[in-house]
Amino acid sequence: MLLALFVLSASATVRAEGNRLTPSPRTLAAAAGDEPPPYVDPATLRQPPPKPVSTTQPAAGPVYKKWWFWALTAAVVGGTAAFGALTYKSEPRTAQACPLSTVVCFGDGRPPL
């Protein structure tokens, strides 16, 4: 029984030290003359990467398809037409003589019948 316990503990030690016998990527890079890879903290590998924050909003379509565009357009056009109709003042018409070179005059200066 003691022998079985010794064999199991020895095999566990060999398995645990199996990773120590392989060179690390930093050692391999240094042996090849390349730059070693940057150090990565193992704690950061366990965390999911942060979600990217979008600073732009998705395209919402053209402005002329929005309800507020047409409401604003109707308010401006309707307000202009109402302002023009309410502030219009007609000028009194004055009679003008027809030019002397005309044979027939259909204007304000024609003689009364």
Protein backbone atom coordinates (compact mmCIF):
# COMPACT_ATOMS: atom_id res chain seq x y z
CA MET A 1 0.00 0.00 0.00
CA LEU A 2 2.82 2.34 0.80
CA LEU A 3 4.33 1.53 -2.55
CA ALA A 4 1.09 2.43 -4.38
CA LEU A 5 0.92 5.73 -2.52
CA PHE A 6 4.50 6.51 -3.49
CA VAL A 7 3.85 5.70 -7.17
CA LEU A 8 0.73 7.90 -7.28
CA SER A 9 2.47 10.85 -5.67
CA ALA A 10 5.47 10.51 -7.97
CA SER A 11 3.29 10.43 -11.11
CA ALA A 12 1.40 13.52 -9.92
CA THR A 13 4.70 15.31 -9.43
CA VAL A 14 5.86 14.36 -12.91
CA ARG A 15 2.59 15.58 -14.40
CA ALA A 16 2.82 18.87 -12.52
CA GLU A 17 6.41 19.42 -13.55
CA GLY A 18 5.69 18.49 -17.15
CA ASN A 19 4.81 22.11 -17.96
CA ARG A 20 8.04 23.32 -16.43
CA LEU A 21 10.09 21.33 -18.91
CA THR A 22 8.68 23.13 -21.95
CA PRO A 23 10.21 26.54 -22.67
CA SER A 24 7.96 29.57 -22.40
CA PRO A 25 7.14 31.72 -25.44
CA ARG A 26 9.37 34.46 -24.03
CA THR A 27 12.32 32.08 -23.85
CA LEU A 28 11.73 30.85 -27.38
CA ALA A 29 11.51 34.41 -28.69
CA ALA A 30 14.71 35.41 -26.89
CA ALA A 31 16.53 32.38 -28.33
CA ALA A 32 15.39 33.24 -31.86
CA GLY A 33 16.49 36.87 -31.50
CA ASP A 34 12.96 38.21 -31.80
CA GLU A 35 11.18 40.51 -29.44
CA PRO A 36 9.48 38.65 -26.62
CA PRO A 37 5.70 38.84 -26.60
CA PRO A 38 4.23 41.43 -24.26
CA TYR A 39 3.37 40.33 -20.76
CA VAL A 40 -0.30 39.49 -20.30
CA ASP A 41 -1.65 39.33 -16.80
CA PRO A 42 -3.55 36.05 -16.36
CA ALA A 43 -6.20 37.83 -14.28
CA THR A 44 -7.19 39.96 -17.26
CA LEU A 45 -7.61 36.90 -19.46
CA ARG A 46 -10.43 35.59 -17.26
CA GLN A 47 -12.50 38.78 -17.55
CA PRO A 48 -14.59 39.34 -20.65
CA PRO A 49 -13.37 42.24 -22.76
CA PRO A 50 -15.25 45.50 -22.25
CA LYS A 51 -17.98 46.24 -24.75
CA PRO A 52 -17.05 48.97 -27.21
CA VAL A 53 -18.89 52.24 -26.66
CA SER A 54 -20.30 53.68 -29.83
CA THR A 55 -20.04 57.46 -30.05
CA THR A 56 -22.07 57.71 -33.25
CA GLN A 57 -25.77 57.08 -33.50
CA PRO A 58 -27.13 54.88 -36.25
CA ALA A 59 -28.45 56.57 -39.34
CA ALA A 60 -32.14 57.34 -38.82
CA GLY A 61 -33.05 58.13 -42.42
CA PRO A 62 -33.60 61.39 -44.26
CA VAL A 63 -35.00 64.41 -42.46
CA TYR A 64 -37.93 64.88 -44.84
CA LYS A 65 -39.41 61.58 -43.64
CA LYS A 66 -39.75 62.82 -40.05
CA TRP A 67 -43.10 64.09 -38.76
CA TRP A 68 -41.60 67.12 -37.03
CA PHE A 69 -40.06 68.35 -40.31
CA TRP A 70 -43.49 68.57 -41.96
CA ALA A 71 -45.08 70.07 -38.85
CA LEU A 72 -42.44 72.79 -38.81
CA THR A 73 -42.82 73.38 -42.56
CA ALA A 74 -46.62 73.69 -42.26
CA ALA A 75 -46.27 76.10 -39.35
CA VAL A 76 -43.85 78.35 -41.25
CA VAL A 77 -45.85 78.36 -44.51
CA GLY A 78 -49.20 78.75 -42.73
CA GLY A 79 -47.85 81.51 -40.49
CA THR A 80 -46.44 83.40 -43.46
CA ALA A 81 -49.72 83.15 -45.40
CA ALA A 82 -51.77 84.23 -42.35
CA PHE A 83 -49.42 87.13 -41.66
CA GLY A 84 -49.67 88.28 -45.28
CA ALA A 85 -53.48 88.01 -45.35
CA LEU A 86 -53.96 89.83 -42.04
CA THR A 87 -51.56 92.69 -42.77
CA TYR A 88 -52.56 93.33 -46.41
CA LYS A 89 -53.89 96.81 -47.11
CA SER A 90 -55.08 97.75 -50.58
CA GLU A 91 -54.14 101.18 -51.87
CA PRO A 92 -56.88 103.46 -53.22
CA ARG A 93 -56.94 103.43 -56.96
CA THR A 94 -56.37 106.73 -58.73
CA ALA A 95 -57.66 107.39 -62.21
CA GLN A 96 -54.98 107.53 -64.88
CA ALA A 97 -55.36 109.11 -68.27
CA CYS A 98 -54.90 107.10 -71.42
CA PRO A 99 -51.90 108.04 -73.54
CA LEU A 100 -52.66 110.42 -76.41
CA SER A 101 -51.30 108.09 -79.07
CA THR A 102 -53.94 105.38 -78.44
CA VAL A 103 -57.07 105.09 -80.51
CA VAL A 104 -59.06 102.96 -78.12
CA CYS A 105 -58.57 103.12 -74.37
CA PHE A 106 -59.84 100.43 -71.99
CA GLY A 107 -58.21 101.80 -68.86
CA ASP A 108 -59.32 104.13 -66.10
CA GLY A 109 -58.96 107.20 -68.26
CA ARG A 110 -61.64 106.40 -70.84
CA PRO A 111 -64.41 108.88 -71.17
CA PRO A 112 -67.71 108.03 -69.51
CA LEU A 113 -70.51 106.88 -71.83
